[in-house]
Amino acid sequence: QLQLVESGGELVQSGGSLRLSCAASKFNVASYNIGWFRQAPGKEREGVSCISIDGGYTNYADSVKGRFTISRDNAKNTVYLQMNSLKPEDTAVYYCAAYFSVLFKQCAVSENHYSYWGQGTQVTVSS
């Protein structure tokens, strides 16, 4: 069973930074597009960012553009989400997810593409 494990979530003050990691096991992440999603209390889960298998294409929700950066290190089988200038509205459980792809330079932020999901990591931004 393919596994994704998120880490790096914690309590941080507004304006601070965090780097989330998504470590894959039992499969080679190099063949999978990876997305980050988040779900705040009482809200629907939303797409935050995605990265293509080659790392050559990334996409971001408008709410995080210019503040968040997604990257991948296929040699470490890990994808990262660098989050800067954090705001209280970024408070949520963050999930990474994966779907198999053979196409370079494309990925989807809509969750219905994704087959595999991690358990999530809590990010709390205090004002």
Protein backbone atom coordinates (compact mmCIF):
# COMPACT_ATOMS: atom_id res chain seq x y z
CA GLN A 1 0.00 0.00 0.00
CA LEU A 2 1.42 3.36 -1.02
CA GLN A 3 2.00 5.64 1.93
CA LEU A 4 2.39 9.37 2.32
CA VAL A 5 3.40 10.90 5.63
CA GLU A 6 3.22 14.61 6.29
CA SER A 7 5.30 16.37 8.91
CA GLY A 8 6.35 19.86 9.92
CA GLY A 9 3.06 21.29 11.10
CA GLU A 10 3.09 23.25 14.34
CA LEU A 11 1.93 26.41 16.07
CA VAL A 12 3.52 29.54 14.61
CA GLN A 13 2.90 33.26 14.95
CA SER A 14 1.40 35.33 12.17
CA GLY A 15 4.11 36.35 9.73
CA GLY A 16 6.18 33.28 10.49
CA SER A 17 7.30 30.42 8.27
CA LEU A 18 7.01 26.66 8.21
CA ARG A 19 8.20 23.94 5.88
CA LEU A 20 5.97 20.92 5.52
CA SER A 21 7.34 17.63 4.24
CA CYS A 22 5.52 14.81 2.49
CA ALA A 23 7.54 11.60 2.57
CA ALA A 24 6.51 8.74 0.31
CA SER A 25 7.13 5.11 1.11
CA LYS A 26 6.53 1.88 -0.78
CA PHE A 27 6.48 3.72 -4.10
CA ASN A 28 8.68 5.98 -6.20
CA VAL A 29 7.30 9.50 -5.91
CA ALA A 30 9.07 10.44 -9.16
CA SER A 31 6.16 8.93 -11.12
CA TYR A 32 3.46 10.82 -9.25
CA ASN A 33 2.12 14.32 -9.33
CA ILE A 34 1.88 15.60 -5.78
CA GLY A 35 -0.61 18.05 -4.35
CA TRP A 36 -1.03 19.82 -1.05
CA PHE A 37 -4.49 20.39 0.31
CA ARG A 38 -5.84 21.88 3.50
CA GLN A 39 -8.98 21.76 5.54
CA ALA A 40 -9.87 24.36 8.12
CA PRO A 41 -12.45 23.66 10.84
CA GLY A 42 -15.95 23.80 9.44
CA LYS A 43 -14.74 24.27 5.87
CA GLU A 44 -14.38 22.16 2.78
CA ARG A 45 -10.96 20.79 1.91
CA GLU A 46 -9.25 23.01 -0.67
CA GLY A 47 -6.34 22.61 -3.03
CA VAL A 48 -3.28 24.62 -2.12
CA SER A 49 -0.61 23.64 -4.61
CA CYS A 50 0.62 20.90 -6.91
CA ILE A 51 3.84 19.93 -8.63
CA SER A 52 4.38 17.84 -11.74
CA ILE A 53 6.48 14.68 -11.85
CA ASP A 54 9.44 16.53 -13.36
CA GLY A 55 9.07 19.53 -11.07
CA GLY A 56 8.75 21.69 -14.16
CA TYR A 57 5.22 22.86 -13.45
CA THR A 58 3.65 24.11 -10.26
CA ASN A 59 0.28 25.60 -9.50
CA TYR A 60 -1.03 27.52 -6.50
CA ALA A 61 -4.32 28.67 -5.07
CA ASP A 62 -4.71 32.43 -5.31
CA SER A 63 -4.79 32.66 -1.51
CA VAL A 64 -1.20 31.38 -1.20
CA LYS A 65 0.49 32.68 -4.37
CA GLY A 66 3.67 34.53 -3.58
CA ARG A 67 3.81 33.09 -0.05
CA PHE A 68 3.98 29.31 -0.51
CA THR A 69 6.45 27.34 -2.61
CA ILE A 70 6.15 23.67 -3.50
CA SER A 71 9.22 21.65 -4.41
CA ARG A 72 10.26 18.05 -4.72
CA ASP A 73 13.38 15.99 -4.16
CA ASN A 74 12.81 12.74 -5.98
CA ALA A 75 16.10 11.32 -4.70
CA LYS A 76 14.72 11.66 -1.16
CA ASN A 77 11.23 10.60 -2.23
CA THR A 78 9.91 13.74 -0.58
CA VAL A 79 7.88 16.81 -1.53
CA TYR A 80 7.95 20.05 0.43
CA LEU A 81 5.71 23.02 0.98
CA GLN A 82 7.54 26.12 2.14
CA MET A 83 5.06 28.50 3.74
CA ASN A 84 6.09 32.09 4.41
CA SER A 85 4.23 35.13 5.69
CA LEU A 86 1.71 32.88 7.37
CA LYS A 87 -1.69 34.29 8.30
CA PRO A 88 -4.27 33.08 10.81
CA GLU A 89 -6.47 32.05 7.88
CA ASP A 90 -3.81 29.52 6.88
CA THR A 91 -4.70 27.53 9.99
CA ALA A 92 -5.79 24.07 8.84
CA VAL A 93 -4.87 20.43 8.61
CA TYR A 94 -2.57 20.09 5.61
CA TYR A 95 -2.62 16.94 3.51
CA CYS A 96 -0.42 15.77 0.71
CA ALA A 97 -1.76 13.52 -2.01
CA ALA A 98 -0.49 11.75 -5.11
CA TYR A 99 -1.64 10.47 -8.48
CA PHE A 100 0.27 8.57 -11.11
CA SER A 101 1.29 10.50 -14.22
CA VAL A 102 3.46 10.07 -17.29
CA LEU A 103 3.06 13.64 -18.51
CA PHE A 104 5.58 16.32 -17.75
CA LYS A 105 4.73 19.88 -16.88
CA GLN A 106 1.19 19.44 -15.71
CA CYS A 107 -0.63 18.76 -12.47
CA ALA A 108 -4.07 19.32 -11.03
CA VAL A 109 -5.11 21.05 -7.83
CA SER A 110 -8.57 19.47 -7.83
CA GLU A 111 -8.70 16.59 -5.39
CA ASN A 112 -10.68 14.22 -7.56
CA HIS A 113 -7.48 13.47 -9.51
CA TYR A 114 -5.70 12.13 -6.44
CA SER A 115 -5.57 8.46 -5.51
CA TYR A 116 -3.39 8.42 -2.41
CA TRP A 117 -3.58 10.61 0.65
CA GLY A 118 -1.59 11.17 3.80
CA GLN A 119 -3.07 11.56 7.28
CA GLY A 120 -2.40 15.27 7.55
CA THR A 121 -0.40 17.62 9.74
CA GLN A 122 -1.85 20.47 11.79
CA VAL A 123 -0.75 24.02 11.09
CA THR A 124 -1.94 26.68 13.51
CA VAL A 125 -1.15 30.35 12.97
CA SER A 126 -1.77 32.63 15.93
CA SER A 127 -2.55 36.30 15.49
